[in-house]
């Protein structure tokens, strides 16, 4: 019963560490997305998406 009560949307319940990773990923996207170089622009987006996904669903 506790498992059902603790799960948030999409079946996850984020911890403080996971929320920090998501916030840092948002900062990364915010600082690199306006870059004139495509490598920095899309590289920041890809790194942010991968780390956020791994932090939320992989449990690291």
C-alpha atoms as a PDB file:
ATOM      1  CA  UNK A   1       0.000   0.000   0.000  1.00  0.00           C
ATOM      2  CA  UNK A   2       2.889   2.397   0.733  1.00  0.00           C
ATOM      3  CA  UNK A   3       4.240   1.862  -2.778  1.00  0.00           C
ATOM      4  CA  UNK A   4       1.023   3.151  -4.320  1.00  0.00           C
ATOM      5  CA  UNK A   5       0.896   6.163  -2.001  1.00  0.00           C
ATOM      6  CA  UNK A   6       4.506   7.205  -2.636  1.00  0.00           C
ATOM      7  CA  UNK A   7       4.474   7.043  -6.441  1.00  0.00           C
ATOM      8  CA  UNK A   8       4.026  10.348  -8.223  1.00  0.00           C
ATOM      9  CA  UNK A   9       3.088  10.968 -11.827  1.00  0.00           C
ATOM     10  CA  UNK A  10       4.502   8.457 -14.310  1.00  0.00           C
ATOM     11  CA  UNK A  11       5.117   6.035 -11.427  1.00  0.00           C
ATOM     12  CA  UNK A  12       8.133   7.874 -10.010  1.00  0.00           C
ATOM     13  CA  UNK A  13       8.714   9.729  -6.777  1.00  0.00           C
ATOM     14  CA  UNK A  14      11.707  12.031  -7.237  1.00  0.00           C
ATOM     15  CA  UNK A  15      14.221  12.449  -4.448  1.00  0.00           C
ATOM     16  CA  UNK A  16      16.209  15.575  -3.680  1.00  0.00           C
ATOM     17  CA  UNK A  17      19.218  14.276  -5.631  1.00  0.00           C
ATOM     18  CA  UNK A  18      17.052  13.620  -8.675  1.00  0.00           C
ATOM     19  CA  UNK A  19      15.532  17.091  -8.500  1.00  0.00           C
ATOM     20  CA  UNK A  20      19.016  18.623  -8.295  1.00  0.00           C
ATOM     21  CA  UNK A  21      20.047  16.734 -11.440  1.00  0.00           C
ATOM     22  CA  UNK A  22      16.947  17.954 -13.288  1.00  0.00           C
ATOM     23  CA  UNK A  23      17.574  21.557 -12.183  1.00  0.00           C
ATOM     24  CA  UNK A  24      21.215  21.388 -13.277  1.00  0.00           C
ATOM     25  CA  UNK A  25      20.099  19.960 -16.619  1.00  0.00           C
ATOM     26  CA  UNK A  26      17.702  22.886 -17.048  1.00  0.00           C
ATOM     27  CA  UNK A  27      20.542  25.317 -16.313  1.00  0.00           C
ATOM     28  CA  UNK A  28      22.727  23.519 -18.874  1.00  0.00           C
ATOM     29  CA  UNK A  29      20.060  23.845 -21.559  1.00  0.00           C
ATOM     30  CA  UNK A  30      19.420  27.469 -20.638  1.00  0.00           C
ATOM     31  CA  UNK A  31      23.064  28.420 -21.000  1.00  0.00           C
ATOM     32  CA  UNK A  32      23.936  26.417 -24.111  1.00  0.00           C
ATOM     33  CA  UNK A  33      20.783  26.633 -26.238  1.00  0.00           C
ATOM     34  CA  UNK A  34      21.518  30.143 -27.563  1.00  0.00           C
ATOM     35  CA  UNK A  35      25.037  29.201 -28.608  1.00  0.00           C
ATOM     36  CA  UNK A  36      25.894  29.890 -32.253  1.00  0.00           C
ATOM     37  CA  UNK A  37      27.786  26.595 -32.465  1.00  0.00           C
ATOM     38  CA  UNK A  38      25.463  23.674 -33.172  1.00  0.00           C
ATOM     39  CA  UNK A  39      27.700  21.235 -31.287  1.00  0.00           C
ATOM     40  CA  UNK A  40      27.321  23.173 -28.045  1.00  0.00           C
ATOM     41  CA  UNK A  41      23.630  23.880 -28.612  1.00  0.00           C
ATOM     42  CA  UNK A  42      22.462  20.347 -29.305  1.00  0.00           C
ATOM     43  CA  UNK A  43      25.157  18.707 -27.194  1.00  0.00           C
ATOM     44  CA  UNK A  44      23.832  20.526 -24.118  1.00  0.00           C
ATOM     45  CA  UNK A  45      20.291  19.440 -24.915  1.00  0.00           C
ATOM     46  CA  UNK A  46      21.298  15.796 -25.418  1.00  0.00           C
ATOM     47  CA  UNK A  47      23.379  15.669 -22.228  1.00  0.00           C
ATOM     48  CA  UNK A  48      20.545  17.272 -20.246  1.00  0.00           C
ATOM     49  CA  UNK A  49      17.921  14.841 -21.551  1.00  0.00           C
ATOM     50  CA  UNK A  50      20.080  11.761 -20.971  1.00  0.00           C
ATOM     51  CA  UNK A  51      21.131  12.736 -17.444  1.00  0.00           C
ATOM     52  CA  UNK A  52      17.593  13.714 -16.440  1.00  0.00           C
ATOM     53  CA  UNK A  53      16.152  10.487 -17.802  1.00  0.00           C
ATOM     54  CA  UNK A  54      18.812   8.393 -16.096  1.00  0.00           C
ATOM     55  CA  UNK A  55      18.407  10.241 -12.796  1.00  0.00           C
ATOM     56  CA  UNK A  56      14.646   9.733 -12.742  1.00  0.00           C
ATOM     57  CA  UNK A  57      14.218   6.227 -14.101  1.00  0.00           C
ATOM     58  CA  UNK A  58      17.546   4.448 -13.565  1.00  0.00           C
ATOM     59  CA  UNK A  59      17.701   5.264  -9.854  1.00  0.00           C
ATOM     60  CA  UNK A  60      21.303   6.528  -9.828  1.00  0.00           C
END
